[in-house]
């Protein structure tokens, strides 16, 4: 048994391997979600998910200077003479 699935727990964390529907929501590849045990076992059986072991990744915003960024644009270097 993995660390995220212990005897008696009703929920389990799974890593999504293929785009699918879980918890009545669309989920994408790479998402880590918590579902009830039976739905998790079904998704694992269909090879659309695997049991998640580890920590979730923090999202990082690397869009500095883009239109969608909330950070100021970086200074451009002066041209050498």
N, C-alpha and C. Protein backbone atom coordinates (compact mmCIF):
# COMPACT_ATOMS: atom_id res chain seq x y z
N UNK A 1 0.84 -1.18 0.00
CA UNK A 1 0.00 0.00 0.00
C UNK A 1 0.89 1.24 0.00
N UNK A 2 0.43 2.26 -0.69
CA UNK A 2 1.20 3.49 -0.75
C UNK A 2 0.88 4.39 0.43
N UNK A 3 1.66 5.45 0.54
CA UNK A 3 1.47 6.38 1.65
C UNK A 3 0.15 7.13 1.54
N UNK A 4 -0.33 7.35 0.30
CA UNK A 4 -1.55 8.13 0.14
C UNK A 4 -2.80 7.26 0.22
N UNK A 5 -2.64 5.94 0.34
CA UNK A 5 -3.80 5.05 0.41
C UNK A 5 -3.62 4.10 1.59
N UNK A 6 -4.30 4.40 2.67
CA UNK A 6 -4.22 3.58 3.86
C UNK A 6 -5.56 2.91 4.09
N UNK A 7 -5.54 1.83 4.79
CA UNK A 7 -6.77 1.10 5.08
C UNK A 7 -7.75 1.98 5.83
N UNK A 8 -8.98 2.05 5.36
CA UNK A 8 -10.00 2.82 6.03
C UNK A 8 -10.20 4.22 5.49
N UNK A 9 -9.27 4.71 4.66
CA UNK A 9 -9.44 6.03 4.08
C UNK A 9 -10.48 5.98 2.97
N UNK A 10 -11.30 7.00 2.89
CA UNK A 10 -12.33 7.04 1.87
C UNK A 10 -11.86 7.79 0.62
N UNK A 11 -10.83 8.61 0.74
CA UNK A 11 -10.31 9.38 -0.38
C UNK A 11 -8.88 8.98 -0.67
N UNK A 12 -8.46 9.22 -1.91
CA UNK A 12 -7.08 8.95 -2.29
C UNK A 12 -6.64 10.00 -3.30
N UNK A 13 -5.34 10.30 -3.29
CA UNK A 13 -4.78 11.23 -4.26
C UNK A 13 -4.26 10.43 -5.44
N UNK A 14 -4.60 10.92 -6.65
CA UNK A 14 -4.14 10.24 -7.85
C UNK A 14 -3.51 11.25 -8.80
N UNK A 15 -2.59 10.76 -9.62
CA UNK A 15 -1.94 11.54 -10.66
C UNK A 15 -2.60 11.17 -11.98
N UNK A 16 -3.11 12.15 -12.71
CA UNK A 16 -3.82 11.90 -13.95
C UNK A 16 -2.82 11.66 -15.08
N UNK A 17 -2.99 10.55 -15.82
CA UNK A 17 -2.09 10.19 -16.91
C UNK A 17 -2.68 10.49 -18.28
N UNK A 18 -4.02 10.68 -18.36
CA UNK A 18 -4.69 11.00 -19.62
C UNK A 18 -5.87 11.91 -19.31
N UNK A 19 -6.20 12.82 -20.22
CA UNK A 19 -7.35 13.70 -20.03
C UNK A 19 -8.60 12.86 -19.81
N UNK A 20 -9.37 13.21 -18.80
CA UNK A 20 -10.56 12.44 -18.46
C UNK A 20 -11.49 13.27 -17.58
N UNK A 21 -12.54 12.63 -17.09
CA UNK A 21 -13.48 13.26 -16.18
C UNK A 21 -13.34 12.58 -14.82
N UNK A 22 -13.19 13.38 -13.75
CA UNK A 22 -13.12 12.85 -12.39
C UNK A 22 -13.79 13.86 -11.47
N UNK A 23 -14.54 13.40 -10.51
CA UNK A 23 -15.29 14.27 -9.60
C UNK A 23 -16.22 15.20 -10.37
N UNK A 24 -16.76 14.72 -11.48
CA UNK A 24 -17.68 15.49 -12.33
C UNK A 24 -17.02 16.75 -12.88
N UNK A 25 -15.68 16.71 -13.06
CA UNK A 25 -14.93 17.82 -13.62
C UNK A 25 -13.92 17.28 -14.62
N UNK A 26 -13.59 18.11 -15.62
CA UNK A 26 -12.57 17.72 -16.58
C UNK A 26 -11.21 17.90 -15.93
N UNK A 27 -10.35 16.90 -16.04
CA UNK A 27 -8.99 16.97 -15.50
C UNK A 27 -8.00 16.70 -16.63
N UNK A 28 -6.83 17.31 -16.54
CA UNK A 28 -5.82 17.21 -17.58
C UNK A 28 -4.64 16.36 -17.12
N UNK A 29 -3.82 15.99 -18.06
CA UNK A 29 -2.62 15.21 -17.78
C UNK A 29 -1.73 15.98 -16.80
N UNK A 30 -1.24 15.30 -15.78
CA UNK A 30 -0.33 15.91 -14.82
C UNK A 30 -1.02 16.48 -13.59
N UNK A 31 -2.35 16.57 -13.60
CA UNK A 31 -3.07 17.08 -12.43
C UNK A 31 -3.01 16.05 -11.31
N UNK A 32 -2.96 16.54 -10.07
CA UNK A 32 -3.05 15.69 -8.89
C UNK A 32 -4.36 16.06 -8.20
N UNK A 33 -5.26 15.09 -8.09
CA UNK A 33 -6.58 15.36 -7.52
C UNK A 33 -6.88 14.34 -6.43
N UNK A 34 -7.85 14.68 -5.60
CA UNK A 34 -8.29 13.77 -4.55
C UNK A 34 -9.69 13.29 -4.91
N UNK A 35 -9.86 11.99 -5.02
CA UNK A 35 -11.14 11.39 -5.37
C UNK A 35 -11.48 10.31 -4.35
N UNK A 36 -12.73 9.86 -4.37
CA UNK A 36 -13.07 8.77 -3.47
C UNK A 36 -12.40 7.48 -3.95
N UNK A 37 -12.25 6.54 -3.06
CA UNK A 37 -11.46 5.34 -3.32
C UNK A 37 -11.96 4.54 -4.52
N UNK A 38 -13.26 4.38 -4.67
CA UNK A 38 -13.80 3.58 -5.76
C UNK A 38 -13.54 4.23 -7.12
N UNK A 39 -13.75 5.54 -7.22
CA UNK A 39 -13.49 6.23 -8.47
C UNK A 39 -12.00 6.19 -8.81
N UNK A 40 -11.15 6.33 -7.79
CA UNK A 40 -9.71 6.26 -8.01
C UNK A 40 -9.27 4.89 -8.51
N UNK A 41 -9.84 3.84 -7.94
CA UNK A 41 -9.50 2.49 -8.39
C UNK A 41 -9.98 2.25 -9.82
N UNK A 42 -11.14 2.81 -10.18
CA UNK A 42 -11.63 2.68 -11.56
C UNK A 42 -10.68 3.38 -12.53
N UNK A 43 -10.26 4.62 -12.22
CA UNK A 43 -9.37 5.36 -13.11
C UNK A 43 -8.01 4.67 -13.23
N UNK A 44 -7.53 4.10 -12.14
CA UNK A 44 -6.26 3.36 -12.18
C UNK A 44 -6.43 2.11 -13.04
N UNK A 45 -7.56 1.44 -12.92
CA UNK A 45 -7.84 0.25 -13.73
C UNK A 45 -7.93 0.56 -15.21
N UNK A 46 -8.46 1.73 -15.57
CA UNK A 46 -8.55 2.15 -16.97
C UNK A 46 -7.24 2.71 -17.49
N UNK A 47 -6.20 2.73 -16.66
CA UNK A 47 -4.88 3.27 -17.00
C UNK A 47 -4.93 4.77 -17.32
N UNK A 48 -5.86 5.49 -16.68
CA UNK A 48 -5.96 6.93 -16.85
C UNK A 48 -5.36 7.67 -15.67
N UNK A 49 -4.96 6.95 -14.62
CA UNK A 49 -4.39 7.57 -13.43
C UNK A 49 -3.49 6.58 -12.72
N UNK A 50 -2.67 7.11 -11.81
CA UNK A 50 -1.85 6.27 -10.94
C UNK A 50 -1.90 6.88 -9.54
N UNK A 51 -1.57 6.07 -8.55
CA UNK A 51 -1.57 6.55 -7.17
C UNK A 51 -0.47 7.58 -7.02
N UNK A 52 -0.78 8.70 -6.40
CA UNK A 52 0.18 9.78 -6.24
C UNK A 52 0.94 9.59 -4.94
N UNK A 53 2.27 9.61 -5.05
CA UNK A 53 3.14 9.53 -3.88
C UNK A 53 4.12 10.69 -3.98
N UNK A 54 4.11 11.57 -3.01
CA UNK A 54 5.03 12.70 -3.02
C UNK A 54 4.32 14.00 -2.74
N UNK A 55 5.02 15.09 -3.02
CA UNK A 55 4.49 16.43 -2.79
C UNK A 55 4.02 17.03 -4.11
N UNK A 56 3.00 17.88 -4.03
CA UNK A 56 2.53 18.58 -5.21
C UNK A 56 3.50 19.68 -5.58
N UNK A 57 3.62 19.95 -6.88
CA UNK A 57 4.48 21.01 -7.35
C UNK A 57 3.78 22.34 -7.16
N UNK A 58 4.56 23.34 -6.81
CA UNK A 58 4.02 24.70 -6.72
C UNK A 58 4.06 25.31 -8.11
N UNK A 59 2.99 26.01 -8.46
CA UNK A 59 2.97 26.67 -9.75
C UNK A 59 3.87 27.90 -9.72
N UNK A 60 4.63 28.07 -10.75
CA UNK A 60 5.49 29.24 -10.85
C UNK A 60 5.09 30.04 -12.08
N UNK A 61 5.11 31.35 -11.95
CA UNK A 61 4.78 32.23 -13.06
C UNK A 61 6.07 32.78 -13.62
N UNK A 62 6.47 32.31 -14.80
CA UNK A 62 7.71 32.74 -15.40
C UNK A 62 7.47 33.71 -16.55
N UNK A 63 6.33 34.37 -16.58
CA UNK A 63 5.96 35.23 -17.69
C UNK A 63 6.32 36.69 -17.44
N UNK A 64 7.51 36.95 -16.97
CA UNK A 64 7.93 38.34 -16.69
C UNK A 64 8.07 39.09 -18.00
N UNK A 65 7.38 40.23 -18.09
CA UNK A 65 7.47 41.07 -19.27
C UNK A 65 6.44 40.78 -20.34
N UNK A 66 5.65 39.73 -20.22
CA UNK A 66 4.62 39.45 -21.20
C UNK A 66 3.38 40.27 -20.90
N UNK A 67 2.47 40.34 -21.87
CA UNK A 67 1.24 41.11 -21.70
C UNK A 67 0.41 40.59 -20.54
N UNK A 68 0.41 39.29 -20.31
CA UNK A 68 -0.40 38.70 -19.25
C UNK A 68 0.29 38.74 -17.88
N UNK A 69 1.50 39.26 -17.83
CA UNK A 69 2.28 39.29 -16.59
C UNK A 69 1.90 40.47 -15.72
N UNK A 70 1.94 40.27 -14.42
CA UNK A 70 1.70 41.38 -13.49
C UNK A 70 3.01 41.99 -13.02
N UNK A 71 4.13 41.48 -13.50
CA UNK A 71 5.46 42.00 -13.17
C UNK A 71 5.84 43.10 -14.16
N UNK A 72 6.65 44.09 -13.76
CA UNK A 72 7.11 45.10 -14.71
C UNK A 72 8.07 44.48 -15.73
N UNK A 73 8.15 45.09 -16.90
CA UNK A 73 9.05 44.55 -17.92
C UNK A 73 10.50 44.78 -17.50
N UNK A 74 11.38 43.87 -17.83
CA UNK A 74 12.79 44.03 -17.46
C UNK A 74 13.45 45.13 -18.29
N UNK A 75 14.52 45.74 -17.72
CA UNK A 75 15.24 46.79 -18.44
C UNK A 75 16.07 46.16 -19.54
N UNK A 76 16.12 46.86 -20.68
CA UNK A 76 16.93 46.38 -21.79
C UNK A 76 18.34 46.93 -21.63
N UNK A 77 19.30 46.16 -22.04
CA UNK A 77 20.70 46.61 -21.95
C UNK A 77 21.00 47.62 -23.03
N UNK A 78 21.87 48.55 -22.69
CA UNK A 78 22.27 49.57 -23.66
C UNK A 78 23.21 48.94 -24.68
N UNK A 79 23.17 49.50 -25.87
CA UNK A 79 24.00 48.99 -26.94
C UNK A 79 25.45 49.44 -26.74
N UNK A 80 26.40 48.53 -26.90
CA UNK A 80 27.81 48.88 -26.75
C UNK A 80 28.28 49.69 -27.95
N UNK A 81 29.14 50.65 -27.68
CA UNK A 81 29.67 51.50 -28.75
C UNK A 81 31.06 51.10 -29.14
